[in-house]
Amino acid sequence: MKKYYITTPIYYPSANFHIGHCYTTIIADAIARYKRMTGYDVFFQTGTDEHGEKIEKKAKEQNVTPKEYVDKIIADAKDLWASLNISYDYFIRTTDENHEKAVQKIFKKLYDKGDIYKGEYKGLYCIPCESFWTESQAIDGKCPDCGRELKEVSEEAYFFRLSKYQDKLIQFYDEHPDFILPLSRKNEMLNNFIKPGLEDLCVSRTSFKWGIPVDFDPNHVVYVWVDALSNYITSLGYPDENSELFKKYWPADLHLVGKEIVRFHTIIWPCMLMALDLPLPKQVFGHGWLKIDGGKISKSLGNYKDPREYIKDYGVDAVRYYALREVPFGNDGNFSEEALISRTNSDLANTLGNLVNRTISMSHKYFKGLTSNPKLNEEIDNKLIESVLALKDIVETKMNELKVNEALDEIMEVLRSCNKYIDETTPWTLAKDEAKKDRLATILYNLLESIRHCAILLSPFIPTTSKSILDELNTKKTSYASISNFGELEENLTLNEPKILFNRIENK
């Protein structure tokens, strides 16, 4: 069985998670579920990056230890992931004992090799971003990432020889053109960061204590890059390269990250791996931001609700569907409650829910819920069947290109065709003529079989709804393999009574 290792970034738990964190995790979950469905042995990892000065300060303000501070937020995050039906295989915390010990060994290994050395750091530092900047990188003395004030710092530090790997990194980019997606992000990395010249990277701090101690120099704690980025291998048992998980799953197939941290995952992380003589990840995808009503989601602005409020009001699959459907490949998308309601009503209540309800209702009304397929097909039926049979490969292509929103739209397009097919074949008219009973049975069978195909393909995206539809069909043919052909839905099957999948939502 082929393996597939997918990761989200490890999130910084300075406050409870918002819909932006959910967006990345829902996408990763949909990809992981899709790969599992299509026969891959999947390892899907998420987690939290818990060290650093910002957390130390927040904990002090609340008169608790940093660990107590993050424990509460992580319990909330795990509850949120459960609410969103996130099927992760491993949740890593950088405060896990095995991770901390592994990071110390990695740091020492790089030090012994000469790729980490001691020096003095002087420069500008952004506390919220935990990023160092040169004078030339700062914009009017402010952080180029978040726009906040930078402070001048000077302290003894260890540095990683990032500059040593510049040429090797450019060569890797040339040899692996799909390493960074979308391609616009690759051009940004090359032109803005690599070609102007990589500077060695500060990888330890002495000005705060909330971090993993450098075991051979305990005045220093390991700074974020070696600590956080290493999570993708420490979770697999590295630095034990004979660990079963490490041998099985590394290198990662996909690091899914927000566009603001592409730089760390496509410059610092590959150079660290080169220094450790390890294979590099196959792909890093830097997705756009999910914005709130056109503006960036901001903890400080507080311009968002707890995502569980949306789940409570509209249902988990409506939230999942909207997040997956609304953001175009690699670009920014907009989250607004009005758009969530509109998308739920048009796609989920009207197109999908209405189709399932009316088809199963007609089957009960005209055939007491029993399926049969006399195969009295006409040109209109053949056209529908062709579109349904083509859908599996179209979705596979879109998912392999990480065009998740387009994959969903292709499924919705087939469902729209099914609704049109009902309007054009008018089953209610055929039901009035006994001589046309076999034709009516054929039409309803074609609809039920089309719904079965679409329900299976929807299972990675809206798993609860997919299961509800397949339960209504009362079919045992629920595997991915069963949609290679049209006509697998069993005959003489008694359909269950239809239920309303999505109620239409009135605008608040």
Foldseek 3Di string as FASTA:
>chain_A
DAAAEEEEAAAEPLDADFVQVVLLQLLLLLLQVVCVQVPHHYAYEYEHEQFADSLCVSCVVVVHHSVVSRVVRVVNVVVVCVQLVRDHPYYDYLPPPLLLVQLLVLVVLCVVVVQKDKDKDWAWADRVVRDGDHPVCADVCAHPQPRHHIDIDIGIFIWGPLQVCLVVLVVVCVVQVAQEPPNVLVVCLVPVARVVGHDIGTFWDQPDQGARANVVHRSIHTGRLSSRLCPSQSVQPPVVCPRPSNVRCPPHAEHEYASSCVNSLSRVNVSSCVSVVHDHHNHYYHAYTADEVPHRDDPVVPPGDHVVVVCVVFNSLLSLLCSQQAGFRRYYGYDYPVVSLVCCVPQPQPLQQVLLQVLQVVCCVQPVQFADAPPPDDPLLVVLQVLLLCLLVVLVVCVVVSRRNVNVVSLSVSSNSLVVLCVVVVLVVLSVPPVCSNVSSNNSLSSLQSSLSSLLVCCSRRVVLSVLSVQQLVAPQNRPVSSNHGDSRDGRDRGHNRDRSGDNDDDD
